[in-house]
PDB file of all heavy atoms in Angstrom:
ATOM      1  N   GLU A   1      81.437  99.573 133.246  1.00  0.00           N
ATOM      2  CA  GLU A   1      81.345  99.210 134.703  1.00  0.00           C
ATOM      3  C   GLU A   1      80.731  97.783 134.841  1.00  0.00           C
ATOM      4  O   GLU A   1      79.672  97.589 134.428  1.00  0.00           O
ATOM      5  CB  GLU A   1      80.298 100.245 135.364  1.00  0.00           C
ATOM      6  CG  GLU A   1      80.303 100.031 136.777  1.00  0.00           C
ATOM      7  CD  GLU A   1      79.356 100.994 137.497  1.00  0.00           C
ATOM      8  OE1 GLU A   1      78.774 101.887 136.848  1.00  0.00           O
ATOM      9  OE2 GLU A   1      79.239 100.967 138.744  1.00  0.00           O
ATOM     10  N   LEU A   2      81.561  96.992 135.412  1.00  0.00           N
ATOM     11  CA  LEU A   2      81.126  95.619 135.700  1.00  0.00           C
ATOM     12  C   LEU A   2      80.486  95.454 136.962  1.00  0.00           C
ATOM     13  O   LEU A   2      80.607  96.081 137.880  1.00  0.00           O
ATOM     14  CB  LEU A   2      82.350  94.649 135.627  1.00  0.00           C
ATOM     15  CG  LEU A   2      83.176  94.653 134.278  1.00  0.00           C
ATOM     16  CD1 LEU A   2      84.335  93.781 134.444  1.00  0.00           C
ATOM     17  CD2 LEU A   2      82.141  94.228 133.103  1.00  0.00           C
ATOM     18  N   ARG A   3      79.456  94.453 136.970  1.00  0.00           N
ATOM     19  CA  ARG A   3      78.736  94.249 138.158  1.00  0.00           C
ATOM     20  C   ARG A   3      79.502  93.370 139.223  1.00  0.00           C
ATOM     21  O   ARG A   3      79.786  92.223 138.880  1.00  0.00           O
ATOM     22  CB  ARG A   3      77.422  93.625 137.680  1.00  0.00           C
ATOM     23  CG  ARG A   3      76.379  93.302 138.946  1.00  0.00           C
ATOM     24  CD  ARG A   3      75.196  92.603 138.532  1.00  0.00           C
ATOM     25  NE  ARG A   3      74.313  92.241 139.665  1.00  0.00           N
ATOM     26  CZ  ARG A   3      73.282  91.566 139.485  1.00  0.00           C
ATOM     27  NH1 ARG A   3      72.954  91.047 138.276  1.00  0.00           N
ATOM     28  NH2 ARG A   3      72.521  91.302 140.498  1.00  0.00           N
ATOM     29  N   ARG A   4      79.774  93.894 140.380  1.00  0.00           N
ATOM     30  CA  ARG A   4      80.398  93.101 141.348  1.00  0.00           C
ATOM     31  C   ARG A   4      79.782  93.344 142.684  1.00  0.00           C
ATOM     32  O   ARG A   4      80.274  93.929 143.675  1.00  0.00           O
ATOM     33  CB  ARG A   4      81.935  93.506 141.526  1.00  0.00           C
ATOM     34  CG  ARG A   4      82.836  93.183 140.292  1.00  0.00           C
ATOM     35  CD  ARG A   4      84.230  93.445 140.640  1.00  0.00           C
ATOM     36  NE  ARG A   4      84.992  93.007 139.459  1.00  0.00           N
ATOM     37  CZ  ARG A   4      85.492  93.870 138.565  1.00  0.00           C
ATOM     38  NH1 ARG A   4      84.993  95.142 138.541  1.00  0.00           N
ATOM     39  NH2 ARG A   4      86.200  93.591 137.597  1.00  0.00           N
ATOM     40  N   PRO A   5      78.450  92.879 142.899  1.00  0.00           N
ATOM     41  CA  PRO A   5      77.782  93.100 144.125  1.00  0.00           C
ATOM     42  C   PRO A   5      78.410  92.306 145.165  1.00  0.00           C
ATOM     43  O   PRO A   5      78.907  91.232 145.015  1.00  0.00           O
ATOM     44  CB  PRO A   5      76.333  92.594 143.813  1.00  0.00           C
ATOM     45  CG  PRO A   5      76.665  91.546 142.831  1.00  0.00           C
ATOM     46  CD  PRO A   5      77.735  92.051 141.892  1.00  0.00           C
ATOM     47  N   SER A   6      78.322  92.781 146.456  1.00  0.00           N
ATOM     48  CA  SER A   6      78.979  92.210 147.549  1.00  0.00           C
ATOM     49  C   SER A   6      78.305  92.580 148.911  1.00  0.00           C
ATOM     50  O   SER A   6      77.866  93.782 149.130  1.00  0.00           O
ATOM     51  CB  SER A   6      80.402  92.532 147.693  1.00  0.00           C
ATOM     52  OG  SER A   6      81.016  92.005 148.996  1.00  0.00           O
ATOM     53  N   ILE A   7      77.956  91.554 149.746  1.00  0.00           N
ATOM     54  CA  ILE A   7      77.314  91.911 150.999  1.00  0.00           C
ATOM     55  C   ILE A   7      78.316  92.668 151.948  1.00  0.00           C
ATOM     56  O   ILE A   7      77.932  93.331 152.904  1.00  0.00           O
ATOM     57  CB  ILE A   7      76.732  90.683 151.670  1.00  0.00           C
ATOM     58  CG1 ILE A   7      77.949  89.685 152.017  1.00  0.00           C
ATOM     59  CG2 ILE A   7      75.674  90.010 150.952  1.00  0.00           C
ATOM     60  CD1 ILE A   7      77.590  88.464 152.780  1.00  0.00           C
ATOM     61  N   VAL A   8      79.637  92.578 151.614  1.00  0.00           N
ATOM     62  CA  VAL A   8      80.553  93.269 152.466  1.00  0.00           C
ATOM     63  C   VAL A   8      80.544  94.794 152.240  1.00  0.00           C
ATOM     64  O   VAL A   8      80.760  95.565 153.053  1.00  0.00           O
ATOM     65  CB  VAL A   8      81.950  92.749 152.299  1.00  0.00           C
ATOM     66  CG1 VAL A   8      83.026  93.409 153.158  1.00  0.00           C
ATOM     67  CG2 VAL A   8      81.968  91.215 152.559  1.00  0.00           C
ATOM     68  N   ARG A   9      80.148  95.127 151.001  1.00  0.00           N
ATOM     69  CA  ARG A   9      79.990  96.557 150.602  1.00  0.00           C
ATOM     70  C   ARG A   9      79.051  97.371 151.447  1.00  0.00           C
ATOM     71  O   ARG A   9      78.982  98.477 151.305  1.00  0.00           O
ATOM     72  CB  ARG A   9      79.825  96.726 149.161  1.00  0.00           C
ATOM     73  CG  ARG A   9      80.985  96.265 148.269  1.00  0.00           C
ATOM     74  CD  ARG A   9      80.804  96.690 146.862  1.00  0.00           C
ATOM     75  NE  ARG A   9      81.837  96.280 145.952  1.00  0.00           N
ATOM     76  CZ  ARG A   9      81.898  96.434 144.764  1.00  0.00           C
ATOM     77  NH1 ARG A   9      80.858  97.030 144.041  1.00  0.00           N
ATOM     78  NH2 ARG A   9      82.853  96.044 143.961  1.00  0.00           N
ATOM     79  N   ARG A  10      78.122  96.668 152.058  1.00  0.00           N
ATOM     80  CA  ARG A  10      77.107  97.403 152.907  1.00  0.00           C
ATOM     81  C   ARG A  10      77.861  98.190 154.100  1.00  0.00           C
ATOM     82  O   ARG A  10      77.317  99.042 154.679  1.00  0.00           O
ATOM     83  CB  ARG A  10      76.167  96.387 153.427  1.00  0.00           C
ATOM     84  CG  ARG A  10      75.323  95.714 152.332  1.00  0.00           C
ATOM     85  CD  ARG A  10      74.401  94.670 152.814  1.00  0.00           C
ATOM     86  NE  ARG A  10      73.786  93.913 151.792  1.00  0.00           N
ATOM     87  CZ  ARG A  10      72.719  94.160 151.164  1.00  0.00           C
ATOM     88  NH1 ARG A  10      72.051  95.168 151.351  1.00  0.00           N
ATOM     89  NH2 ARG A  10      72.309  93.330 150.239  1.00  0.00           N
ATOM     90  N   ASN A  11      79.120  97.675 154.382  1.00  0.00           N
ATOM     91  CA  ASN A  11      79.929  98.523 155.337  1.00  0.00           C
ATOM     92  C   ASN A  11      80.486  99.637 154.554  1.00  0.00           C
ATOM     93  O   ASN A  11      81.278  99.534 153.629  1.00  0.00           O
ATOM     94  CB  ASN A  11      81.055  97.669 155.857  1.00  0.00           C
ATOM     95  CG  ASN A  11      81.761  98.154 157.017  1.00  0.00           C
ATOM     96  OD1 ASN A  11      81.895  99.343 157.049  1.00  0.00           O
ATOM     97  ND2 ASN A  11      82.390  97.407 157.936  1.00  0.00           N
ATOM     98  N   PRO A  12      80.213 100.850 155.074  1.00  0.00           N
ATOM     99  CA  PRO A  12      80.595 102.076 154.335  1.00  0.00           C
ATOM    100  C   PRO A  12      82.089 102.155 154.134  1.00  0.00           C
ATOM    101  O   PRO A  12      82.565 102.651 153.256  1.00  0.00           O
ATOM    102  CB  PRO A  12      80.072 103.178 155.149  1.00  0.00           C
ATOM    103  CG  PRO A  12      78.830 102.553 155.859  1.00  0.00           C
ATOM    104  CD  PRO A  12      79.369 101.231 156.215  1.00  0.00           C
ATOM    105  N   ARG A  13      82.890 101.624 155.260  1.00  0.00           N
ATOM    106  CA  ARG A  13      84.238 101.838 155.203  1.00  0.00           C
ATOM    107  C   ARG A  13      84.808 100.948 154.139  1.00  0.00           C
ATOM    108  O   ARG A  13      85.718 101.468 153.259  1.00  0.00           O
ATOM    109  CB  ARG A  13      84.867 101.207 156.478  1.00  0.00           C
ATOM    110  CG  ARG A  13      85.822 102.318 157.176  1.00  0.00           C
ATOM    111  CD  ARG A  13      86.423 101.808 158.436  1.00  0.00           C
ATOM    112  NE  ARG A  13      85.988 100.402 158.819  1.00  0.00           N
ATOM    113  CZ  ARG A  13      86.699  99.798 159.791  1.00  0.00           C
ATOM    114  NH1 ARG A  13      87.471 100.394 160.514  1.00  0.00           N
ATOM    115  NH2 ARG A  13      86.214  98.583 160.086  1.00  0.00           N
ATOM    116  N   LEU A  14      84.357  99.707 153.946  1.00  0.00           N
ATOM    117  CA  LEU A  14      84.766  98.775 152.938  1.00  0.00           C
ATOM    118  C   LEU A  14      84.307  99.334 151.574  1.00  0.00           C
ATOM    119  O   LEU A  14      84.925  99.220 150.602  1.00  0.00           O
ATOM    120  CB  LEU A  14      84.342  97.394 153.254  1.00  0.00           C
ATOM    121  CG  LEU A  14      84.972  96.796 154.443  1.00  0.00           C
ATOM    122  CD1 LEU A  14      84.363  95.406 154.636  1.00  0.00           C
ATOM    123  CD2 LEU A  14      86.453  96.723 154.398  1.00  0.00           C
ATOM    124  N   GLN A  15      83.076  99.904 151.624  1.00  0.00           N
ATOM    125  CA  GLN A  15      82.524 100.393 150.281  1.00  0.00           C
ATOM    126  C   GLN A  15      83.446 101.444 149.713  1.00  0.00           C
ATOM    127  O   GLN A  15      83.606 101.584 148.525  1.00  0.00           O
ATOM    128  CB  GLN A  15      81.035 100.799 150.548  1.00  0.00           C
ATOM    129  CG  GLN A  15      80.379 101.011 149.142  1.00  0.00           C
ATOM    130  CD  GLN A  15      78.922 101.268 149.402  1.00  0.00           C
ATOM    131  OE1 GLN A  15      78.576 101.663 150.647  1.00  0.00           O
ATOM    132  NE2 GLN A  15      78.143 101.173 148.486  1.00  0.00           N
ATOM    133  N   ALA A  16      83.970 102.265 150.598  1.00  0.00           N
ATOM    134  CA  ALA A  16      84.781 103.294 150.100  1.00  0.00           C
ATOM    135  C   ALA A  16      86.041 102.805 149.545  1.00  0.00           C
ATOM    136  O   ALA A  16      86.596 103.382 148.689  1.00  0.00           O
ATOM    137  CB  ALA A  16      85.118 104.315 151.243  1.00  0.00           C
ATOM    138  N   LEU A  17      86.596 101.783 150.231  1.00  0.00           N
ATOM    139  CA  LEU A  17      87.736 101.242 149.681  1.00  0.00           C
ATOM    140  C   LEU A  17      87.602 100.482 148.219  1.00  0.00           C
ATOM    141  O   LEU A  17      88.620 100.301 147.550  1.00  0.00           O
ATOM    142  CB  LEU A  17      88.288 100.212 150.667  1.00  0.00           C
ATOM    143  CG  LEU A  17      88.878 100.688 151.923  1.00  0.00           C
ATOM    144  CD1 LEU A  17      89.254  99.499 152.906  1.00  0.00           C
ATOM    145  CD2 LEU A  17      89.944 101.789 151.747  1.00  0.00           C
ATOM    146  N   GLY A  18      86.365 100.209 147.924  1.00  0.00           N
ATOM    147  CA  GLY A  18      85.968  99.620 146.683  1.00  0.00           C
ATOM    148  C   GLY A  18      86.629  98.174 146.522  1.00  0.00           C
ATOM    149  O   GLY A  18      87.220  97.830 145.547  1.00  0.00           O
ATOM    150  N   GLU A  19      86.672  97.354 147.655  1.00  0.00           N
ATOM    151  CA  GLU A  19      87.290  96.057 147.556  1.00  0.00           C
ATOM    152  C   GLU A  19      86.599  95.127 146.531  1.00  0.00           C
ATOM    153  O   GLU A  19      85.386  95.279 146.286  1.00  0.00           O
ATOM    154  CB  GLU A  19      87.087  95.339 148.956  1.00  0.00           C
ATOM    155  CG  GLU A  19      88.022  96.070 149.933  1.00  0.00           C
ATOM    156  CD  GLU A  19      87.985  95.294 151.273  1.00  0.00           C
ATOM    157  OE1 GLU A  19      87.204  94.249 151.353  1.00  0.00           O
ATOM    158  OE2 GLU A  19      88.428  95.815 152.270  1.00  0.00           O
ATOM    159  N   ASP A  20      87.360  94.453 145.862  1.00  0.00           N
ATOM    160  CA  ASP A  20      86.828  93.478 144.752  1.00  0.00           C
ATOM    161  C   ASP A  20      86.435  92.156 145.380  1.00  0.00           C
ATOM    162  O   ASP A  20      87.107  91.109 145.104  1.00  0.00           O
ATOM    163  CB  ASP A  20      87.930  93.381 143.712  1.00  0.00           C
ATOM    164  CG  ASP A  20      87.242  92.724 142.434  1.00  0.00           C
ATOM    165  OD1 ASP A  20      85.995  92.614 142.317  1.00  0.00           O
ATOM    166  OD2 ASP A  20      87.988  92.381 141.537  1.00  0.00           O
ATOM    167  N   ILE A  21      85.354  92.184 146.194  1.00  0.00           N
ATOM    168  CA  ILE A  21      84.933  90.886 146.822  1.00  0.00           C
ATOM    169  C   ILE A  21      83.603  90.464 146.166  1.00  0.00           C
ATOM    170  O   ILE A  21      82.736  91.245 145.974  1.00  0.00           O
ATOM    171  CB  ILE A  21      84.654  91.198 148.260  1.00  0.00           C
ATOM    172  CG1 ILE A  21      85.916  91.628 148.929  1.00  0.00           C
ATOM    173  CG2 ILE A  21      84.175  89.845 148.940  1.00  0.00           C
ATOM    174  CD1 ILE A  21      85.717  91.949 150.335  1.00  0.00           C
ATOM    175  N   VAL A  22      83.606  89.230 145.668  1.00  0.00           N
ATOM    176  CA  VAL A  22      82.489  88.690 144.943  1.00  0.00           C
ATOM    177  C   VAL A  22      81.520  88.064 145.875  1.00  0.00           C
ATOM    178  O   VAL A  22      81.975  87.121 146.617  1.00  0.00           O
ATOM    179  CB  VAL A  22      83.018  87.724 143.906  1.00  0.00           C
ATOM    180  CG1 VAL A  22      81.812  87.132 143.071  1.00  0.00           C
ATOM    181  CG2 VAL A  22      83.943  88.487 142.868  1.00  0.00           C
ATOM    182  N   ASP A  23      80.297  88.425 145.736  1.00  0.00           N
ATOM    183  CA  ASP A  23      79.235  87.691 146.444  1.00  0.00           C
ATOM    184  C   ASP A  23      78.944  86.334 145.657  1.00  0.00           C
ATOM    185  O   ASP A  23      78.517  86.465 144.389  1.00  0.00           O
ATOM    186  CB  ASP A  23      77.996  88.531 146.500  1.00  0.00           C
ATOM    187  CG  ASP A  23      76.810  87.809 147.288  1.00  0.00           C
ATOM    188  OD1 ASP A  23      77.023  86.794 147.801  1.00  0.00           O
ATOM    189  OD2 ASP A  23      75.754  88.395 147.084  1.00  0.00           O
ATOM    190  N   LEU A  24      79.104  85.257 146.228  1.00  0.00           N
ATOM    191  CA  LEU A  24      78.849  83.907 145.444  1.00  0.00           C
ATOM    192  C   LEU A  24      77.510  83.726 144.955  1.00  0.00           C
ATOM    193  O   LEU A  24      77.166  83.280 144.040  1.00  0.00           O
ATOM    194  CB  LEU A  24      79.292  82.741 146.474  1.00  0.00           C
ATOM    195  CG  LEU A  24      79.251  81.358 145.820  1.00  0.00           C
ATOM    196  CD1 LEU A  24      80.193  81.256 144.653  1.00  0.00           C
ATOM    197  CD2 LEU A  24      79.523  80.303 146.947  1.00  0.00           C
ATOM    198  N   ASP A  25      76.540  84.235 145.842  1.00  0.00           N
ATOM    199  CA  ASP A  25      75.059  84.199 145.474  1.00  0.00           C
ATOM    200  C   ASP A  25      74.718  84.930 144.162  1.00  0.00           C
ATOM    201  O   ASP A  25      74.271  84.305 143.148  1.00  0.00           O
ATOM    202  CB  ASP A  25      74.287  84.665 146.687  1.00  0.00           C
ATOM    203  CG  ASP A  25      72.713  84.649 146.250  1.00  0.00           C
ATOM    204  OD1 ASP A  25      72.323  83.948 145.315  1.00  0.00           O
ATOM    205  OD2 ASP A  25      72.100  85.440 146.826  1.00  0.00           O
ATOM    206  N   SER A  26      75.169  86.261 144.098  1.00  0.00           N
ATOM    207  CA  SER A  26      75.002  86.965 142.991  1.00  0.00           C
ATOM    208  C   SER A  26      75.777  86.590 141.707  1.00  0.00           C
ATOM    209  O   SER A  26      75.303  86.569 140.636  1.00  0.00           O
ATOM    210  CB  SER A  26      75.348  88.451 143.180  1.00  0.00           C
ATOM    211  OG  SER A  26      74.517  88.970 144.280  1.00  0.00           O
ATOM    212  N   PHE A  27      76.987  86.026 142.022  1.00  0.00           N
ATOM    213  CA  PHE A  27      77.873  85.654 140.892  1.00  0.00           C
ATOM    214  C   PHE A  27      77.188  84.365 140.348  1.00  0.00           C
ATOM    215  O   PHE A  27      77.135  84.252 139.082  1.00  0.00           O
ATOM    216  CB  PHE A  27      79.256  85.216 141.458  1.00  0.00           C
ATOM    217  CG  PHE A  27      80.142  84.839 140.424  1.00  0.00           C
ATOM    218  CD1 PHE A  27      80.939  85.793 139.795  1.00  0.00           C
ATOM    219  CD2 PHE A  27      80.413  83.553 140.076  1.00  0.00           C
ATOM    220  CE1 PHE A  27      81.907  85.453 138.700  1.00  0.00           C
ATOM    221  CE2 PHE A  27      81.276  83.116 139.103  1.00  0.00           C
ATOM    222  CZ  PHE A  27      81.961  84.090 138.419  1.00  0.00           C
ATOM    223  N   SER A  28      76.822  83.339 141.036  1.00  0.00           N
ATOM    224  CA  SER A  28      76.185  82.096 140.517  1.00  0.00           C
ATOM    225  C   SER A  28      74.876  82.501 139.723  1.00  0.00           C
ATOM    226  O   SER A  28      74.546  81.919 138.696  1.00  0.00           O
ATOM    227  CB  SER A  28      75.936  81.202 141.614  1.00  0.00           C
ATOM    228  OG  SER A  28      75.143  81.628 142.521  1.00  0.00           O
ATOM    229  N   GLU A  29      74.011  83.495 140.351  1.00  0.00           N
ATOM    230  CA  GLU A  29      72.907  83.862 139.672  1.00  0.00           C
ATOM    231  C   GLU A  29      73.192  84.489 138.410  1.00  0.00           C
ATOM    232  O   GLU A  29      72.554  84.174 137.389  1.00  0.00           O
ATOM    233  CB  GLU A  29      72.058  84.749 140.599  1.00  0.00           C
ATOM    234  CG  GLU A  29      70.989  85.542 139.993  1.00  0.00           C
ATOM    235  CD  GLU A  29      69.914  84.524 139.567  1.00  0.00           C
ATOM    236  OE1 GLU A  29      69.795  83.455 140.325  1.00  0.00           O
ATOM    237  OE2 GLU A  29      69.102  84.833 138.681  1.00  0.00           O
ATOM    238  N   GLN A  30      74.096  85.372 138.290  1.00  0.00           N
ATOM    239  CA  GLN A  30      74.391  86.093 137.081  1.00  0.00           C
ATOM    240  C   GLN A  30      74.880  85.186 135.965  1.00  0.00           C
ATOM    241  O   GLN A  30      74.661  85.342 134.874  1.00  0.00           O
ATOM    242  CB  GLN A  30      75.348  87.248 137.436  1.00  0.00           C
ATOM    243  CG  GLN A  30      75.754  88.070 136.113  1.00  0.00           C
ATOM    244  CD  GLN A  30      76.737  89.141 136.517  1.00  0.00           C
ATOM    245  OE1 GLN A  30      77.115  89.329 137.701  1.00  0.00           O
ATOM    246  NE2 GLN A  30      77.286  89.742 135.411  1.00  0.00           N
ATOM    247  N   HIS A  31      75.892  84.260 136.373  1.00  0.00           N
ATOM    248  CA  HIS A  31      76.538  83.600 135.372  1.00  0.00           C
ATOM    249  C   HIS A  31      75.987  82.174 135.023  1.00  0.00           C
ATOM    250  O   HIS A  31      76.066  81.729 133.960  1.00  0.00           O
ATOM    251  CB  HIS A  31      78.119  83.370 135.794  1.00  0.00           C
ATOM    252  CG  HIS A  31      78.787  84.588 135.849  1.00  0.00           C
ATOM    253  ND1 HIS A  31      79.499  85.148 134.800  1.00  0.00           N
ATOM    254  CD2 HIS A  31      79.058  85.555 136.780  1.00  0.00           C
ATOM    255  CE1 HIS A  31      80.180  86.150 135.047  1.00  0.00           C
ATOM    256  NE2 HIS A  31      79.839  86.498 136.311  1.00  0.00           N
ATOM    257  N   PHE A  32      75.495  81.455 135.948  1.00  0.00           N
ATOM    258  CA  PHE A  32      75.086  80.156 135.759  1.00  0.00           C
ATOM    259  C   PHE A  32      73.392  79.959 135.566  1.00  0.00           C
ATOM    260  O   PHE A  32      73.100  79.020 134.910  1.00  0.00           O
ATOM    261  CB  PHE A  32      75.556  79.278 136.815  1.00  0.00           C
ATOM    262  CG  PHE A  32      77.076  79.271 136.892  1.00  0.00           C
ATOM    263  CD1 PHE A  32      77.721  79.970 137.902  1.00  0.00           C
ATOM    264  CD2 PHE A  32      77.723  78.688 135.948  1.00  0.00           C
ATOM    265  CE1 PHE A  32      79.028  79.926 137.978  1.00  0.00           C
ATOM    266  CE2 PHE A  32      79.160  78.675 135.975  1.00  0.00           C
ATOM    267  CZ  PHE A  32      79.874  79.225 137.008  1.00  0.00           C
ATOM    268  N   LYS A  33      72.752  80.857 136.278  1.00  0.00           N
ATOM    269  CA  LYS A  33      71.306  80.643 136.118  1.00  0.00           C
ATOM    270  C   LYS A  33      71.023  80.988 134.657  1.00  0.00           C
ATOM    271  O   LYS A  33      70.082  80.313 134.041  1.00  0.00           O
ATOM    272  CB  LYS A  33      70.589  81.622 137.050  1.00  0.00           C
ATOM    273  CG  LYS A  33      69.106  81.680 136.898  1.00  0.00           C
ATOM    274  CD  LYS A  33      68.568  80.376 137.429  1.00  0.00           C
ATOM    275  CE  LYS A  33      67.038  80.371 137.202  1.00  0.00           C
ATOM    276  NZ  LYS A  33      66.441  81.420 138.087  1.00  0.00           N
ATOM    277  N   SER A  34      71.470  81.921 134.080  1.00  0.00           N
ATOM    278  CA  SER A  34      71.292  82.288 132.719  1.00  0.00           C
ATOM    279  C   SER A  34      71.537  81.176 131.664  1.00  0.00           C
ATOM    280  O   SER A  34      70.966  80.890 130.728  1.00  0.00           O
ATOM    281  CB  SER A  34      71.800  83.640 132.317  1.00  0.00           C
ATOM    282  OG  SER A  34      73.159  83.561 132.485  1.00  0.00           O
ATOM    283  N   LYS A  35      72.827  80.565 131.982  1.00  0.00           N
ATOM    284  CA  LYS A  35      73.302  79.589 131.219  1.00  0.00           C
ATOM    285  C   LYS A  35      72.314  78.439 131.290  1.00  0.00           C
ATOM    286  O   LYS A  35      71.962  77.675 130.226  1.00  0.00           O
ATOM    287  CB  LYS A  35      74.645  79.079 131.641  1.00  0.00           C
ATOM    288  CG  LYS A  35      75.095  77.828 130.900  1.00  0.00           C
ATOM    289  CD  LYS A  35      76.481  77.420 131.395  1.00  0.00           C
ATOM    290  CE  LYS A  35      76.893  76.089 130.567  1.00  0.00           C
ATOM    291  NZ  LYS A  35      78.191  75.664 131.005  1.00  0.00           N
ATOM    292  N   ALA A  36      71.863  77.982 132.389  1.00  0.00           N
ATOM    293  CA  ALA A  36      70.892  76.846 132.658  1.00  0.00           C
ATOM    294  C   ALA A  36      69.550  77.139 131.813  1.00  0.00           C
ATOM    295  O   ALA A  36      69.094  76.211 131.211  1.00  0.00           O
ATOM    296  CB  ALA A  36      70.655  76.646 134.105  1.00  0.00           C
ATOM    297  N   LEU A  37      69.125  78.358 131.920  1.00  0.00           N
ATOM    298  CA  LEU A  37      67.908  78.796 131.142  1.00  0.00           C
ATOM    299  C   LEU A  37      68.189  78.623 129.637  1.00  0.00           C
ATOM    300  O   LEU A  37      67.385  78.004 128.854  1.00  0.00           O
ATOM    301  CB  LEU A  37      67.463  80.212 131.552  1.00  0.00           C
ATOM    302  CG  LEU A  37      66.907  80.313 132.849  1.00  0.00           C
ATOM    303  CD1 LEU A  37      66.701  81.830 133.152  1.00  0.00           C
ATOM    304  CD2 LEU A  37      65.627  79.480 133.095  1.00  0.00           C
ATOM    305  N   ARG A  38      69.314  79.014 129.185  1.00  0.00           N
ATOM    306  CA  ARG A  38      69.654  78.967 127.717  1.00  0.00           C
ATOM    307  C   ARG A  38      69.785  77.551 127.342  1.00  0.00           C
ATOM    308  O   ARG A  38      69.293  77.082 126.168  1.00  0.00           O
ATOM    309  CB  ARG A  38      71.021  79.629 127.475  1.00  0.00           C
ATOM    310  CG  ARG A  38      70.850  81.317 127.437  1.00  0.00           C
ATOM    311  CD  ARG A  38      72.049  81.846 126.797  1.00  0.00           C
ATOM    312  NE  ARG A  38      73.349  81.514 127.276  1.00  0.00           N
ATOM    313  CZ  ARG A  38      73.924  82.091 128.268  1.00  0.00           C
ATOM    314  NH1 ARG A  38      73.507  83.055 128.774  1.00  0.00           N
ATOM    315  NH2 ARG A  38      75.068  81.584 128.714  1.00  0.00           N
ATOM    316  N   ALA A  39      70.369  76.717 128.091  1.00  0.00           N
ATOM    317  CA  ALA A  39      70.511  75.271 127.793  1.00  0.00           C
ATOM    318  C   ALA A  39      69.147  74.513 127.696  1.00  0.00           C
ATOM    319  O   ALA A  39      68.823  73.828 126.800  1.00  0.00           O
ATOM    320  CB  ALA A  39      71.493  74.654 128.896  1.00  0.00           C
ATOM    321  N   ALA A  40      68.266  75.002 128.671  1.00  0.00           N
ATOM    322  CA  ALA A  40      66.973  74.331 128.659  1.00  0.00           C
ATOM    323  C   ALA A  40      66.133  74.816 127.457  1.00  0.00           C
ATOM    324  O   ALA A  40      65.506  74.089 126.799  1.00  0.00           O
ATOM    325  CB  ALA A  40      66.228  74.757 129.925  1.00  0.00           C
ATOM    326  N   GLY A  41      66.285  76.133 127.076  1.00  0.00           N
ATOM    327  CA  GLY A  41      65.566  76.566 125.940  1.00  0.00           C
ATOM    328  C   GLY A  41      66.184  75.927 124.658  1.00  0.00           C
ATOM    329  O   GLY A  41      65.438  75.575 123.752  1.00  0.00           O
TER     330      GLY A  41
END
């Protein structure tokens, strides 16, 4: 199960449909914040 958080999923109707909408905030946090920390380390 992959992590695909989305502010749109807070709508129950859309949440039921399981739309694959990516929250830019969570996506950048998950993918690039960790990379920046690794590069700094």
